[in-house]
C-alpha atoms as a PDB file:
ATOM      1  CA  MET A   1      61.940  74.818 103.280  1.00  0.00           C
ATOM      2  CA  THR A   2      65.037  76.751 102.047  1.00  0.00           C
ATOM      3  CA  GLU A   3      66.793  75.679  99.205  1.00  0.00           C
ATOM      4  CA  ASN A   4      70.526  75.786  98.756  1.00  0.00           C
ATOM      5  CA  THR A   5      71.922  77.868  96.156  1.00  0.00           C
ATOM      6  CA  PRO A   6      75.369  78.348  95.495  1.00  0.00           C
ATOM      7  CA  ASP A   7      76.832  81.611  96.511  1.00  0.00           C
ATOM      8  CA  ALA A   8      78.118  84.008  94.245  1.00  0.00           C
ATOM      9  CA  ALA A   9      81.436  84.092  95.414  1.00  0.00           C
ATOM     10  CA  ALA A  10      82.054  80.678  95.254  1.00  0.00           C
ATOM     11  CA  ASP A  11      81.396  80.556  91.626  1.00  0.00           C
ATOM     12  CA  ASN A  12      84.290  83.088  90.947  1.00  0.00           C
ATOM     13  CA  PRO A  13      86.691  82.544  94.078  1.00  0.00           C
ATOM     14  CA  THR A  14      89.148  84.748  94.743  1.00  0.00           C
ATOM     15  CA  LYS A  15      92.712  83.667  93.777  1.00  0.00           C
ATOM     16  CA  PHE A  16      96.023  85.387  94.792  1.00  0.00           C
ATOM     17  CA  ALA A  17      99.405  83.596  94.510  1.00  0.00           C
ATOM     18  CA  ILE A  18     102.775  85.170  94.406  1.00  0.00           C
ATOM     19  CA  LEU A  19     104.471  83.534  91.604  1.00  0.00           C
ATOM     20  CA  ARG A  20     108.018  85.097  91.774  1.00  0.00           C
ATOM     21  CA  ILE A  21     110.032  87.941  93.518  1.00  0.00           C
ATOM     22  CA  TYR A  22     112.955  89.561  91.692  1.00  0.00           C
ATOM     23  CA  LEU A  23     115.022  92.598  91.466  1.00  0.00           C
ATOM     24  CA  LYS A  24     114.617  94.101  88.442  1.00  0.00           C
ATOM     25  CA  ASP A  25     116.840  97.153  88.332  1.00  0.00           C
ATOM     26  CA  VAL A  26     119.653  98.621  90.892  1.00  0.00           C
ATOM     27  CA  SER A  27     121.651 101.659  90.716  1.00  0.00           C
ATOM     28  CA  PHE A  28     124.090 103.105  93.416  1.00  0.00           C
ATOM     29  CA  GLU A  29     125.850 106.498  92.526  1.00  0.00           C
ATOM     30  CA  THR A  30     128.721 108.075  95.066  1.00  0.00           C
ATOM     31  CA  PRO A  31     129.028 111.349  93.201  1.00  0.00           C
ATOM     32  CA  ASN A  32     130.937 113.099  95.413  1.00  0.00           C
ATOM     33  CA  SER A  33     133.462 110.350  96.497  1.00  0.00           C
ATOM     34  CA  PRO A  34     135.890 110.234  98.190  1.00  0.00           C
ATOM     35  CA  VAL A  35     135.400 113.575  99.544  1.00  0.00           C
ATOM     36  CA  ILE A  36     132.227 112.770 101.088  1.00  0.00           C
ATOM     37  CA  PHE A  37     133.854 110.364 103.355  1.00  0.00           C
ATOM     38  CA  GLN A  38     135.788 113.337 105.016  1.00  0.00           C
ATOM     39  CA  GLU A  39     132.904 115.441 105.621  1.00  0.00           C
ATOM     40  CA  ASP A  40     131.093 115.036 108.856  1.00  0.00           C
ATOM     41  CA  TYR A  41     128.140 112.412 107.830  1.00  0.00           C
ATOM     42  CA  THR A  42     124.981 113.904 109.469  1.00  0.00           C
ATOM     43  CA  PRO A  43     122.730 113.391 106.165  1.00  0.00           C
ATOM     44  CA  GLU A  44     119.470 114.522 105.333  1.00  0.00           C
ATOM     45  CA  ILE A  45     117.701 111.501 103.761  1.00  0.00           C
ATOM     46  CA  LYS A  46     114.793 111.846 101.341  1.00  0.00           C
ATOM     47  CA  LEU A  47     112.595 108.783 100.182  1.00  0.00           C
ATOM     48  CA  GLU A  48     110.776 108.210  97.039  1.00  0.00           C
ATOM     49  CA  LEU A  49     108.279 105.559  96.511  1.00  0.00           C
ATOM     50  CA  ASN A  50     106.521 104.615  93.443  1.00  0.00           C
ATOM     51  CA  THR A  51     104.694 101.581  92.057  1.00  0.00           C
ATOM     52  CA  SER A  52     103.636 100.173  88.796  1.00  0.00           C
ATOM     53  CA  VAL A  53     101.270  97.576  87.638  1.00  0.00           C
ATOM     54  CA  LYS A  54     101.494  95.560  84.222  1.00  0.00           C
ATOM     55  CA  GLU A  55      99.398  92.939  83.050  1.00  0.00           C
ATOM     56  CA  ILE A  56     101.233  90.314  81.437  1.00  0.00           C
ATOM     57  CA  GLU A  57      99.034  87.800  80.900  1.00  0.00           C
ATOM     58  CA  GLN A  58      95.322  87.090  81.722  1.00  0.00           C
ATOM     59  CA  PHE A  59      95.138  87.096  85.471  1.00  0.00           C
ATOM     60  CA  ILE A  60      99.103  87.759  85.906  1.00  0.00           C
ATOM     61  CA  TYR A  61     100.464  90.900  86.853  1.00  0.00           C
ATOM     62  CA  GLU A  62     104.142  92.212  86.878  1.00  0.00           C
ATOM     63  CA  ILE A  63     103.989  94.582  90.096  1.00  0.00           C
ATOM     64  CA  VAL A  64     107.266  96.952  90.577  1.00  0.00           C
ATOM     65  CA  LEU A  65     107.950  98.840  93.733  1.00  0.00           C
ATOM     66  CA  THR A  66     110.776 101.513  93.164  1.00  0.00           C
ATOM     67  CA  ILE A  67     112.887 103.266  95.795  1.00  0.00           C
ATOM     68  CA  THR A  68     114.898 106.092  95.561  1.00  0.00           C
ATOM     69  CA  VAL A  69     116.930 107.002  98.725  1.00  0.00           C
ATOM     70  CA  THR A  70     118.601 110.573  98.137  1.00  0.00           C
ATOM     71  CA  SER A  71     121.557 110.979 100.998  1.00  0.00           C
ATOM     72  CA  LYS A  72     122.730 114.613 101.132  1.00  0.00           C
ATOM     73  CA  VAL A  73     125.203 116.168 103.409  1.00  0.00           C
ATOM     74  CA  GLY A  74     124.817 119.943 103.224  1.00  0.00           C
ATOM     75  CA  ASP A  75     124.299 120.740  99.523  1.00  0.00           C
ATOM     76  CA  LYS A  76     126.106 117.764  98.460  1.00  0.00           C
ATOM     77  CA  VAL A  77     124.967 114.453  97.424  1.00  0.00           C
ATOM     78  CA  ALA A  78     126.379 111.427  99.687  1.00  0.00           C
ATOM     79  CA  PHE A  79     124.540 108.612  97.422  1.00  0.00           C
ATOM     80  CA  LEU A  80     122.048 107.895  95.460  1.00  0.00           C
ATOM     81  CA  ALA A  81     120.535 104.451  95.782  1.00  0.00           C
ATOM     82  CA  GLU A  82     117.449 103.189  93.583  1.00  0.00           C
ATOM     83  CA  VAL A  83     115.999  99.641  93.533  1.00  0.00           C
ATOM     84  CA  GLN A  84     112.931  98.145  91.160  1.00  0.00           C
ATOM     85  CA  GLN A  85     111.562  95.456  93.313  1.00  0.00           C
ATOM     86  CA  ALA A  86     109.248  93.418  91.267  1.00  0.00           C
ATOM     87  CA  GLY A  87     107.276  90.686  91.344  1.00  0.00           C
ATOM     88  CA  LEU A  88     104.573  88.159  89.442  1.00  0.00           C
ATOM     89  CA  PHE A  89     101.261  87.855  91.064  1.00  0.00           C
ATOM     90  CA  HIS A  90      98.524  85.667  90.197  1.00  0.00           C
ATOM     91  CA  ILE A  91      95.308  87.668  91.004  1.00  0.00           C
ATOM     92  CA  GLU A  92      91.991  86.712  90.098  1.00  0.00           C
ATOM     93  CA  GLY A  93      88.109  86.782  90.663  1.00  0.00           C
ATOM     94  CA  VAL A  94      88.432  90.362  92.825  1.00  0.00           C
ATOM     95  CA  GLU A  95      86.538  93.590  92.566  1.00  0.00           C
ATOM     96  CA  PRO A  96      88.194  96.435  90.793  1.00  0.00           C
ATOM     97  CA  GLU A  97      88.308  98.028  94.227  1.00  0.00           C
ATOM     98  CA  GLN A  98      90.146  94.876  95.832  1.00  0.00           C
ATOM     99  CA  PHE A  99      92.435  94.908  92.568  1.00  0.00           C
ATOM    100  CA  GLN A 100      93.378  98.603  93.693  1.00  0.00           C
ATOM    101  CA  SER A 101      93.724  97.355  96.688  1.00  0.00           C
ATOM    102  CA  MET A 102      96.248  94.554  96.101  1.00  0.00           C
ATOM    103  CA  THR A 103      98.248  96.020  93.517  1.00  0.00           C
ATOM    104  CA  GLY A 104      98.369  99.318  95.093  1.00  0.00           C
ATOM    105  CA  ALA A 105      99.076  98.365  98.783  1.00  0.00           C
ATOM    106  CA  TYR A 106      99.090  94.248  99.459  1.00  0.00           C
ATOM    107  CA  CYS A 107     101.716  93.382  96.800  1.00  0.00           C
ATOM    108  CA  PRO A 108     103.951  96.460  97.339  1.00  0.00           C
ATOM    109  CA  HIS A 109     104.142  95.378 101.134  1.00  0.00           C
ATOM    110  CA  SER A 110     105.011  91.759  99.885  1.00  0.00           C
ATOM    111  CA  LEU A 111     107.824  93.548  97.935  1.00  0.00           C
ATOM    112  CA  TYR A 112     108.963  95.949 100.369  1.00  0.00           C
ATOM    113  CA  PRO A 113     111.129  93.981 102.878  1.00  0.00           C
ATOM    114  CA  TYR A 114     113.247  92.670  99.911  1.00  0.00           C
ATOM    115  CA  ALA A 115     113.573  96.560  98.679  1.00  0.00           C
ATOM    116  CA  ARG A 116     114.442  97.460 101.991  1.00  0.00           C
ATOM    117  CA  GLU A 117     117.356  94.606 102.115  1.00  0.00           C
ATOM    118  CA  ALA A 118     118.313  95.369  98.941  1.00  0.00           C
ATOM    119  CA  ILE A 119     119.093  99.337 100.024  1.00  0.00           C
ATOM    120  CA  SER A 120     120.637  98.390 103.282  1.00  0.00           C
ATOM    121  CA  ASP A 121     123.290  96.370 101.841  1.00  0.00           C
ATOM    122  CA  LEU A 122     123.752  98.960  98.913  1.00  0.00           C
ATOM    123  CA  VAL A 123     124.484 101.529 101.287  1.00  0.00           C
ATOM    124  CA  ALA A 124     126.727  99.713 103.354  1.00  0.00           C
ATOM    125  CA  LYS A 125     128.735  98.541 100.470  1.00  0.00           C
ATOM    126  CA  GLY A 126     129.016 101.977  99.344  1.00  0.00           C
ATOM    127  CA  GLY A 127     131.410 102.667 102.339  1.00  0.00           C
ATOM    128  CA  PHE A 128     128.336 104.583 104.438  1.00  0.00           C
ATOM    129  CA  PRO A 129     126.630 103.474 107.747  1.00  0.00           C
ATOM    130  CA  GLN A 130     123.769 100.919 107.447  1.00  0.00           C
ATOM    131  CA  LEU A 131     120.502 102.735 106.186  1.00  0.00           C
ATOM    132  CA  LEU A 132     117.397 100.759 107.709  1.00  0.00           C
ATOM    133  CA  LEU A 133     114.276 102.419 106.206  1.00  0.00           C
ATOM    134  CA  ALA A 134     111.416 102.193 108.858  1.00  0.00           C
ATOM    135  CA  PRO A 135     108.097 100.118 108.151  1.00  0.00           C
ATOM    136  CA  LEU A 136     105.794 101.599 106.125  1.00  0.00           C
ATOM    137  CA  ASN A 137     101.739 101.355 106.056  1.00  0.00           C
ATOM    138  CA  PHE A 138     100.944 100.713 101.892  1.00  0.00           C
ATOM    139  CA  ASP A 139      97.193 100.931 102.988  1.00  0.00           C
ATOM    140  CA  GLN A 140      97.463 104.297 104.112  1.00  0.00           C
ATOM    141  CA  ILE A 141      99.953 105.352 101.161  1.00  0.00           C
ATOM    142  CA  LEU A 142      97.512 104.189  98.690  1.00  0.00           C
ATOM    143  CA  ARG A 143      94.631 106.447 100.564  1.00  0.00           C
ATOM    144  CA  ASN A 144      96.918 109.086 100.679  1.00  0.00           C
ATOM    145  CA  SER A 145      97.776 108.692  96.516  1.00  0.00           C
ATOM    146  CA  THR A 146      96.539 110.906  93.869  1.00  0.00           C
ATOM    147  CA  GLY A 147      97.995 108.791  91.459  1.00  0.00           C
ATOM    148  CA  THR A 148      96.261 106.452  89.496  1.00  0.00           C
ATOM    149  CA  GLN A 149      96.333 102.694  89.594  1.00  0.00           C
ATOM    150  CA  ASN A 150      95.984 100.212  86.650  1.00  0.00           C
ATOM    151  CA  SER A 151      92.511  98.069  86.955  1.00  0.00           C
ATOM    152  CA  PRO A 152      92.016  94.586  84.941  1.00  0.00           C
ATOM    153  CA  ALA A 153      90.352  94.794  81.783  1.00  0.00           C
ATOM    154  CA  ALA A 154      86.760  94.888  82.008  1.00  0.00           C
END
């Protein structure tokens, strides 16, 4: 006869919740306006991404996805848009490698649609054609990243 023993994972189940999503900071600049509007607008777009993780209290983390978009026409900057889209996440009962995946890929993936919309709105309100950022694979970005992620305190 076999004995039923509780699974170790059942003693410490993984808990995850999005507690809040919010816009932390926004910046939009058109340093060469209104002259830039007279140029033939065939921009070179540069996209930069960054994420940061900050433990707010036990099991509660603020994840901030920063997206910076620079549009240049020739050697002139048409616009510079930066959005810091943040979220508070409850993350509990995960191994360190799972934690890195959640904070470096899963949470930023959850924040990206909000940041993408904010960038699009800023660009359109700045007088430029709508900019729709392509979907991103945050798992692949994390794998390619050479930066470090914070992990929960041991």
